[in-house]
Amino acid sequence: MSQSGMIVLTDAVLITAIVQRGMADLVVQTAQEAGAQGATIFHAHGTGVRQKRMGILGLTINAEKEVIYIVAPADQADIIFERIFVCAKMDTPGMGILWVSPINRMATHVPHEVAARFGIHVETKKP
C-alpha cells in the first residue's frame, strides 16, 4: 500500500443488468449519458424453467446473454437504472433483468485532488 493512504468510497451502488446478446454496448452508452463513468461487460449463457419458449406467443428466448456491471454514486443510481430499463426494453418478456446492490466499501485509485474536491474519506494505514 502506498504511504498516501487508501481512499475508501462508501456511497456507491452496483447496478447489474443481464441483457440479450448484442445489447450491452447500447446499454452502456445510455448509462454513460445518464452519468455512469464506465462499465464491465462479460458474456454469459442463461438457463432456467423457460429455457426454450416463453409466454402466450411461445417466443424463443436466446440463451446467450451479456452481463453489465456499473458502479455508480448512490445519488445517480435511480436515473441510470431507469434509463437502462427503457433502453434494454425490459418491459418486454425475456429481454433481461436489472437490479441494484449496495456497496459497503470500495477502494480504487482516486487522485487526491479529486477526493478533496468531493470530500471523500481517506483512510491512512501504516504497513
N, C-alpha and C. Protein backbone atom coordinates (compact mmCIF):
# COMPACT_ATOMS: atom_id res chain seq x y z
N MET A 1 0.85 -1.17 0.00
CA MET A 1 0.00 0.00 0.00
C MET A 1 0.89 1.23 0.00
N SER A 2 0.49 2.24 -0.69
CA SER A 2 1.28 3.46 -0.74
C SER A 2 1.17 4.21 0.59
N GLN A 3 2.12 5.09 0.86
CA GLN A 3 2.10 5.84 2.11
C GLN A 3 1.04 6.93 2.09
N SER A 4 0.48 7.21 0.94
CA SER A 4 -0.51 8.28 0.86
C SER A 4 -1.87 7.88 1.40
N GLY A 5 -2.08 6.62 1.71
CA GLY A 5 -3.34 6.18 2.29
C GLY A 5 -4.26 5.56 1.25
N MET A 6 -5.27 4.91 1.77
CA MET A 6 -6.24 4.25 0.92
C MET A 6 -7.51 5.09 0.88
N ILE A 7 -8.01 5.37 -0.31
CA ILE A 7 -9.26 6.11 -0.45
C ILE A 7 -10.39 5.10 -0.50
N VAL A 8 -11.33 5.22 0.42
CA VAL A 8 -12.45 4.29 0.54
C VAL A 8 -13.73 5.02 0.16
N LEU A 9 -14.42 4.48 -0.81
CA LEU A 9 -15.70 5.06 -1.24
C LEU A 9 -16.81 4.26 -0.58
N THR A 10 -17.77 4.95 0.02
CA THR A 10 -18.83 4.26 0.75
C THR A 10 -20.23 4.58 0.24
N ASP A 11 -20.40 5.56 -0.57
CA ASP A 11 -21.73 5.96 -1.02
C ASP A 11 -21.92 5.56 -2.48
N ALA A 12 -21.76 4.25 -2.75
CA ALA A 12 -21.85 3.76 -4.12
C ALA A 12 -22.75 2.53 -4.18
N VAL A 13 -23.21 2.22 -5.38
CA VAL A 13 -24.04 1.04 -5.63
C VAL A 13 -23.49 0.30 -6.84
N LEU A 14 -23.84 -0.97 -6.94
CA LEU A 14 -23.52 -1.77 -8.11
C LEU A 14 -24.82 -2.02 -8.86
N ILE A 15 -24.88 -1.53 -10.09
CA ILE A 15 -26.03 -1.78 -10.95
C ILE A 15 -25.66 -2.95 -11.84
N THR A 16 -26.46 -3.99 -11.82
CA THR A 16 -26.22 -5.18 -12.63
C THR A 16 -27.37 -5.34 -13.61
N ALA A 17 -27.02 -5.52 -14.87
CA ALA A 17 -28.03 -5.74 -15.91
C ALA A 17 -27.64 -6.99 -16.69
N ILE A 18 -28.59 -7.87 -16.89
CA ILE A 18 -28.40 -9.02 -17.77
C ILE A 18 -29.30 -8.77 -18.97
N VAL A 19 -28.69 -8.64 -20.14
CA VAL A 19 -29.43 -8.27 -21.34
C VAL A 19 -29.18 -9.27 -22.46
N GLN A 20 -29.98 -9.17 -23.50
CA GLN A 20 -29.80 -10.03 -24.66
C GLN A 20 -28.46 -9.74 -25.33
N ARG A 21 -27.87 -10.77 -25.89
CA ARG A 21 -26.57 -10.63 -26.58
C ARG A 21 -26.67 -9.57 -27.66
N GLY A 22 -25.71 -8.65 -27.69
CA GLY A 22 -25.68 -7.58 -28.67
C GLY A 22 -26.24 -6.26 -28.17
N MET A 23 -26.83 -6.25 -26.97
CA MET A 23 -27.44 -5.03 -26.42
C MET A 23 -26.50 -4.25 -25.49
N ALA A 24 -25.43 -4.86 -25.03
CA ALA A 24 -24.60 -4.26 -23.98
C ALA A 24 -24.00 -2.92 -24.38
N ASP A 25 -23.49 -2.80 -25.58
CA ASP A 25 -22.86 -1.53 -25.98
C ASP A 25 -23.85 -0.38 -25.93
N LEU A 26 -25.07 -0.60 -26.41
CA LEU A 26 -26.10 0.44 -26.37
C LEU A 26 -26.49 0.76 -24.93
N VAL A 27 -26.62 -0.26 -24.10
CA VAL A 27 -26.98 -0.06 -22.69
C VAL A 27 -25.89 0.76 -21.98
N VAL A 28 -24.62 0.43 -22.20
CA VAL A 28 -23.53 1.16 -21.56
C VAL A 28 -23.49 2.60 -22.05
N GLN A 29 -23.68 2.81 -23.33
CA GLN A 29 -23.71 4.18 -23.87
C GLN A 29 -24.82 4.99 -23.21
N THR A 30 -25.99 4.39 -23.08
CA THR A 30 -27.12 5.06 -22.43
C THR A 30 -26.81 5.36 -20.96
N ALA A 31 -26.19 4.40 -20.27
CA ALA A 31 -25.83 4.61 -18.86
C ALA A 31 -24.81 5.74 -18.72
N GLN A 32 -23.86 5.81 -19.63
CA GLN A 32 -22.87 6.88 -19.58
C GLN A 32 -23.51 8.24 -19.83
N GLU A 33 -24.46 8.29 -20.73
CA GLU A 33 -25.18 9.55 -20.97
C GLU A 33 -25.97 9.98 -19.74
N ALA A 34 -26.34 9.01 -18.89
CA ALA A 34 -27.08 9.31 -17.66
C ALA A 34 -26.15 9.59 -16.48
N GLY A 35 -24.83 9.48 -16.68
CA GLY A 35 -23.90 9.82 -15.62
C GLY A 35 -22.93 8.73 -15.20
N ALA A 36 -23.09 7.51 -15.68
CA ALA A 36 -22.16 6.43 -15.32
C ALA A 36 -20.78 6.73 -15.90
N GLN A 37 -19.75 6.36 -15.18
CA GLN A 37 -18.39 6.63 -15.62
C GLN A 37 -17.82 5.50 -16.47
N GLY A 38 -18.38 4.32 -16.39
CA GLY A 38 -17.87 3.18 -17.15
C GLY A 38 -18.63 1.93 -16.78
N ALA A 39 -18.22 0.81 -17.36
CA ALA A 39 -18.92 -0.44 -17.11
C ALA A 39 -17.99 -1.61 -17.41
N THR A 40 -18.36 -2.75 -16.86
CA THR A 40 -17.70 -4.01 -17.19
C THR A 40 -18.75 -4.90 -17.83
N ILE A 41 -18.38 -5.47 -18.97
CA ILE A 41 -19.30 -6.32 -19.72
C ILE A 41 -18.67 -7.70 -19.87
N PHE A 42 -19.46 -8.74 -19.64
CA PHE A 42 -18.98 -10.08 -19.95
C PHE A 42 -20.12 -10.92 -20.49
N HIS A 43 -19.77 -11.98 -21.16
CA HIS A 43 -20.75 -12.84 -21.82
C HIS A 43 -21.14 -13.99 -20.89
N ALA A 44 -22.39 -14.40 -21.02
CA ALA A 44 -22.91 -15.48 -20.18
C ALA A 44 -23.91 -16.30 -20.98
N HIS A 45 -24.26 -17.43 -20.42
CA HIS A 45 -25.26 -18.31 -21.02
C HIS A 45 -26.35 -18.52 -19.99
N GLY A 46 -27.58 -18.11 -20.31
CA GLY A 46 -28.69 -18.22 -19.38
C GLY A 46 -29.38 -19.56 -19.49
N THR A 47 -29.99 -19.98 -18.40
CA THR A 47 -30.77 -21.20 -18.38
C THR A 47 -31.86 -21.05 -17.33
N GLY A 48 -32.90 -21.85 -17.43
CA GLY A 48 -33.97 -21.76 -16.45
C GLY A 48 -35.19 -22.54 -16.89
N VAL A 49 -36.29 -22.35 -16.17
CA VAL A 49 -37.50 -23.12 -16.47
C VAL A 49 -38.10 -22.74 -17.82
N ARG A 50 -37.85 -21.53 -18.26
CA ARG A 50 -38.37 -21.09 -19.55
C ARG A 50 -37.26 -21.09 -20.60
N GLN A 51 -36.50 -22.14 -20.61
CA GLN A 51 -35.30 -22.19 -21.42
C GLN A 51 -35.59 -22.10 -22.92
N LYS A 52 -36.65 -22.70 -23.40
CA LYS A 52 -36.90 -22.75 -24.84
C LYS A 52 -37.90 -21.71 -25.31
N ARG A 53 -39.09 -21.72 -24.74
CA ARG A 53 -40.14 -20.82 -25.20
C ARG A 53 -40.80 -20.15 -24.01
N MET A 54 -41.32 -18.93 -24.25
CA MET A 54 -41.88 -18.16 -23.15
C MET A 54 -43.15 -17.46 -23.58
N GLY A 55 -44.11 -17.41 -22.68
CA GLY A 55 -45.30 -16.60 -22.89
C GLY A 55 -46.35 -17.26 -23.78
N ILE A 56 -47.44 -16.52 -23.97
CA ILE A 56 -48.57 -17.00 -24.76
C ILE A 56 -48.17 -17.23 -26.21
N LEU A 57 -47.34 -16.38 -26.75
CA LEU A 57 -46.93 -16.49 -28.14
C LEU A 57 -45.82 -17.51 -28.36
N GLY A 58 -45.29 -18.07 -27.28
CA GLY A 58 -44.23 -19.05 -27.40
C GLY A 58 -42.96 -18.46 -27.99
N LEU A 59 -42.62 -17.23 -27.57
CA LEU A 59 -41.43 -16.56 -28.07
C LEU A 59 -40.17 -17.34 -27.69
N THR A 60 -39.27 -17.46 -28.62
CA THR A 60 -37.99 -18.10 -28.34
C THR A 60 -37.07 -17.08 -27.69
N ILE A 61 -36.42 -17.49 -26.62
CA ILE A 61 -35.53 -16.61 -25.90
C ILE A 61 -34.10 -17.09 -26.11
N ASN A 62 -33.25 -16.19 -26.57
CA ASN A 62 -31.85 -16.52 -26.79
C ASN A 62 -31.17 -16.74 -25.44
N ALA A 63 -30.46 -17.85 -25.31
CA ALA A 63 -29.78 -18.17 -24.06
C ALA A 63 -28.48 -17.39 -23.89
N GLU A 64 -27.95 -16.82 -24.97
CA GLU A 64 -26.71 -16.06 -24.90
C GLU A 64 -27.01 -14.66 -24.35
N LYS A 65 -26.34 -14.29 -23.29
CA LYS A 65 -26.60 -13.03 -22.59
C LYS A 65 -25.32 -12.21 -22.46
N GLU A 66 -25.50 -10.95 -22.11
CA GLU A 66 -24.40 -10.09 -21.73
C GLU A 66 -24.72 -9.54 -20.34
N VAL A 67 -23.74 -9.59 -19.46
CA VAL A 67 -23.90 -9.11 -18.10
C VAL A 67 -23.10 -7.81 -17.99
N ILE A 68 -23.73 -6.79 -17.43
CA ILE A 68 -23.12 -5.47 -17.32
C ILE A 68 -23.06 -5.09 -15.84
N TYR A 69 -21.87 -4.71 -15.39
CA TYR A 69 -21.69 -4.17 -14.04
C TYR A 69 -21.35 -2.69 -14.17
N ILE A 70 -22.07 -1.87 -13.42
CA ILE A 70 -21.79 -0.44 -13.38
C ILE A 70 -21.75 -0.03 -11.91
N VAL A 71 -20.62 0.53 -11.49
CA VAL A 71 -20.52 1.11 -10.15
C VAL A 71 -20.84 2.59 -10.30
N ALA A 72 -21.78 3.07 -9.49
CA ALA A 72 -22.22 4.46 -9.61
C ALA A 72 -22.45 5.06 -8.22
N PRO A 73 -22.34 6.37 -8.12
CA PRO A 73 -22.71 7.03 -6.86
C PRO A 73 -24.19 6.76 -6.56
N ALA A 74 -24.50 6.57 -5.29
CA ALA A 74 -25.87 6.24 -4.89
C ALA A 74 -26.87 7.29 -5.37
N ASP A 75 -26.46 8.57 -5.40
CA ASP A 75 -27.41 9.61 -5.80
C ASP A 75 -27.69 9.64 -7.30
N GLN A 76 -26.93 8.89 -8.09
CA GLN A 76 -27.18 8.82 -9.53
C GLN A 76 -27.83 7.49 -9.94
N ALA A 77 -27.96 6.57 -9.00
CA ALA A 77 -28.41 5.21 -9.31
C ALA A 77 -29.79 5.16 -9.94
N ASP A 78 -30.73 5.93 -9.41
CA ASP A 78 -32.11 5.86 -9.93
C ASP A 78 -32.21 6.25 -11.39
N ILE A 79 -31.55 7.33 -11.79
CA ILE A 79 -31.66 7.78 -13.18
C ILE A 79 -30.96 6.80 -14.12
N ILE A 80 -29.80 6.28 -13.71
CA ILE A 80 -29.10 5.29 -14.54
C ILE A 80 -29.95 4.03 -14.67
N PHE A 81 -30.51 3.57 -13.56
CA PHE A 81 -31.37 2.39 -13.54
C PHE A 81 -32.55 2.54 -14.49
N GLU A 82 -33.25 3.67 -14.41
CA GLU A 82 -34.41 3.90 -15.26
C GLU A 82 -34.04 3.95 -16.74
N ARG A 83 -32.93 4.61 -17.07
CA ARG A 83 -32.50 4.71 -18.47
C ARG A 83 -32.12 3.34 -19.02
N ILE A 84 -31.47 2.52 -18.22
CA ILE A 84 -31.13 1.17 -18.67
C ILE A 84 -32.39 0.36 -18.91
N PHE A 85 -33.36 0.44 -18.01
CA PHE A 85 -34.60 -0.30 -18.13
C PHE A 85 -35.28 0.01 -19.47
N VAL A 86 -35.37 1.29 -19.79
CA VAL A 86 -36.02 1.71 -21.04
C VAL A 86 -35.20 1.28 -22.25
N CYS A 87 -33.91 1.54 -22.22
CA CYS A 87 -33.03 1.23 -23.35
C CYS A 87 -33.02 -0.26 -23.68
N ALA A 88 -32.97 -1.10 -22.65
CA ALA A 88 -32.89 -2.55 -22.85
C ALA A 88 -34.26 -3.19 -23.07
N LYS A 89 -35.31 -2.37 -23.10
CA LYS A 89 -36.68 -2.85 -23.33
C LYS A 89 -37.07 -3.94 -22.33
N MET A 90 -36.76 -3.69 -21.08
CA MET A 90 -37.02 -4.69 -20.06
C MET A 90 -38.49 -4.83 -19.69
N ASP A 91 -39.33 -3.99 -20.28
CA ASP A 91 -40.77 -4.17 -20.09
C ASP A 91 -41.32 -5.22 -21.06
N THR A 92 -40.43 -5.83 -21.86
CA THR A 92 -40.80 -6.89 -22.80
C THR A 92 -40.33 -8.22 -22.21
N PRO A 93 -41.20 -9.24 -22.17
CA PRO A 93 -40.80 -10.53 -21.60
C PRO A 93 -39.55 -11.09 -22.27
N GLY A 94 -38.64 -11.59 -21.44
CA GLY A 94 -37.44 -12.25 -21.93
C GLY A 94 -36.29 -11.35 -22.32
N MET A 95 -36.43 -10.04 -22.14
CA MET A 95 -35.36 -9.12 -22.58
C MET A 95 -34.24 -8.98 -21.56
N GLY A 96 -34.51 -9.28 -20.30
CA GLY A 96 -33.43 -9.19 -19.33
C GLY A 96 -33.91 -8.91 -17.93
N ILE A 97 -32.96 -8.66 -17.07
CA ILE A 97 -33.24 -8.36 -15.66
C ILE A 97 -32.23 -7.32 -15.19
N LEU A 98 -32.63 -6.52 -14.23
CA LEU A 98 -31.83 -5.39 -13.77
C LEU A 98 -32.02 -5.24 -12.27
N TRP A 99 -30.90 -5.03 -11.55
CA TRP A 99 -31.02 -4.79 -10.11
C TRP A 99 -29.88 -3.91 -9.61
N VAL A 100 -30.09 -3.37 -8.40
CA VAL A 100 -29.10 -2.50 -7.75
C VAL A 100 -28.75 -3.12 -6.41
N SER A 101 -27.44 -3.19 -6.12
CA SER A 101 -26.95 -3.72 -4.85
C SER A 101 -26.11 -2.65 -4.16
N PRO A 102 -26.26 -2.51 -2.85
CA PRO A 102 -25.42 -1.55 -2.14
C PRO A 102 -23.98 -2.04 -2.06
N ILE A 103 -23.06 -1.12 -2.04
CA ILE A 103 -21.64 -1.42 -1.84
C ILE A 103 -21.26 -0.83 -0.49
N ASN A 104 -20.82 -1.66 0.44
CA ASN A 104 -20.45 -1.17 1.76
C ASN A 104 -19.16 -0.35 1.73
N ARG A 105 -18.16 -0.89 1.06
CA ARG A 105 -16.88 -0.20 0.93
C ARG A 105 -16.27 -0.57 -0.40
N MET A 106 -15.61 0.38 -1.01
CA MET A 106 -14.96 0.14 -2.29
C MET A 106 -13.68 0.95 -2.31
N ALA A 107 -12.61 0.36 -2.83
CA ALA A 107 -11.35 1.08 -2.92
C ALA A 107 -10.81 0.97 -4.34
N THR A 108 -10.32 2.06 -4.85
CA THR A 108 -9.67 2.13 -6.15
C THR A 108 -8.81 3.37 -6.16
N HIS A 109 -8.08 3.58 -7.21
CA HIS A 109 -7.27 4.79 -7.30
C HIS A 109 -8.17 5.99 -7.57
N VAL A 110 -8.11 6.93 -6.68
CA VAL A 110 -8.78 8.22 -6.87
C VAL A 110 -7.72 9.28 -6.60
N PRO A 111 -7.42 10.14 -7.57
CA PRO A 111 -6.43 11.19 -7.32
C PRO A 111 -6.83 12.02 -6.10
N HIS A 112 -5.88 12.38 -5.28
CA HIS A 112 -6.18 13.09 -4.04
C HIS A 112 -6.89 14.42 -4.28
N GLU A 113 -6.57 15.10 -5.37
CA GLU A 113 -7.26 16.36 -5.64
C GLU A 113 -8.75 16.13 -5.94
N VAL A 114 -9.07 14.99 -6.56
CA VAL A 114 -10.48 14.66 -6.80
C VAL A 114 -11.15 14.31 -5.48
N ALA A 115 -10.48 13.53 -4.65
CA ALA A 115 -11.03 13.16 -3.35
C ALA A 115 -11.32 14.40 -2.51
N ALA A 116 -10.39 15.34 -2.49
CA ALA A 116 -10.58 16.56 -1.70
C ALA A 116 -11.76 17.37 -2.23
N ARG A 117 -11.89 17.44 -3.53
CA ARG A 117 -12.98 18.22 -4.13
C ARG A 117 -14.34 17.66 -3.77
N PHE A 118 -14.45 16.32 -3.64
CA PHE A 118 -15.73 15.70 -3.35
C PHE A 118 -15.88 15.29 -1.89
N GLY A 119 -14.91 15.62 -1.07
CA GLY A 119 -15.00 15.30 0.35
C GLY A 119 -14.95 13.81 0.65
N ILE A 120 -14.20 13.06 -0.15
CA ILE A 120 -14.11 11.62 0.02
C ILE A 120 -13.17 11.30 1.19
N HIS A 121 -13.58 10.37 2.02
CA HIS A 121 -12.82 9.94 3.20
C HIS A 121 -11.54 9.22 2.76
N VAL A 122 -10.42 9.55 3.39
CA VAL A 122 -9.15 8.88 3.12
C VAL A 122 -8.70 8.17 4.38
N GLU A 123 -8.54 6.83 4.30
CA GLU A 123 -8.03 6.05 5.42
C GLU A 123 -6.53 5.91 5.26
N THR A 124 -5.80 6.27 6.26
CA THR A 124 -4.35 6.14 6.23
C THR A 124 -3.97 5.00 7.17
N LYS A 125 -3.34 3.97 6.61
CA LYS A 125 -2.91 2.83 7.41
C LYS A 125 -1.43 2.62 7.15
N LYS A 126 -0.71 2.45 8.21
CA LYS A 126 0.74 2.20 8.10
C LYS A 126 0.94 0.71 7.96
N PRO A 127 1.90 0.31 7.08
CA PRO A 127 2.16 -1.12 6.92
C PRO A 127 2.76 -1.75 8.15
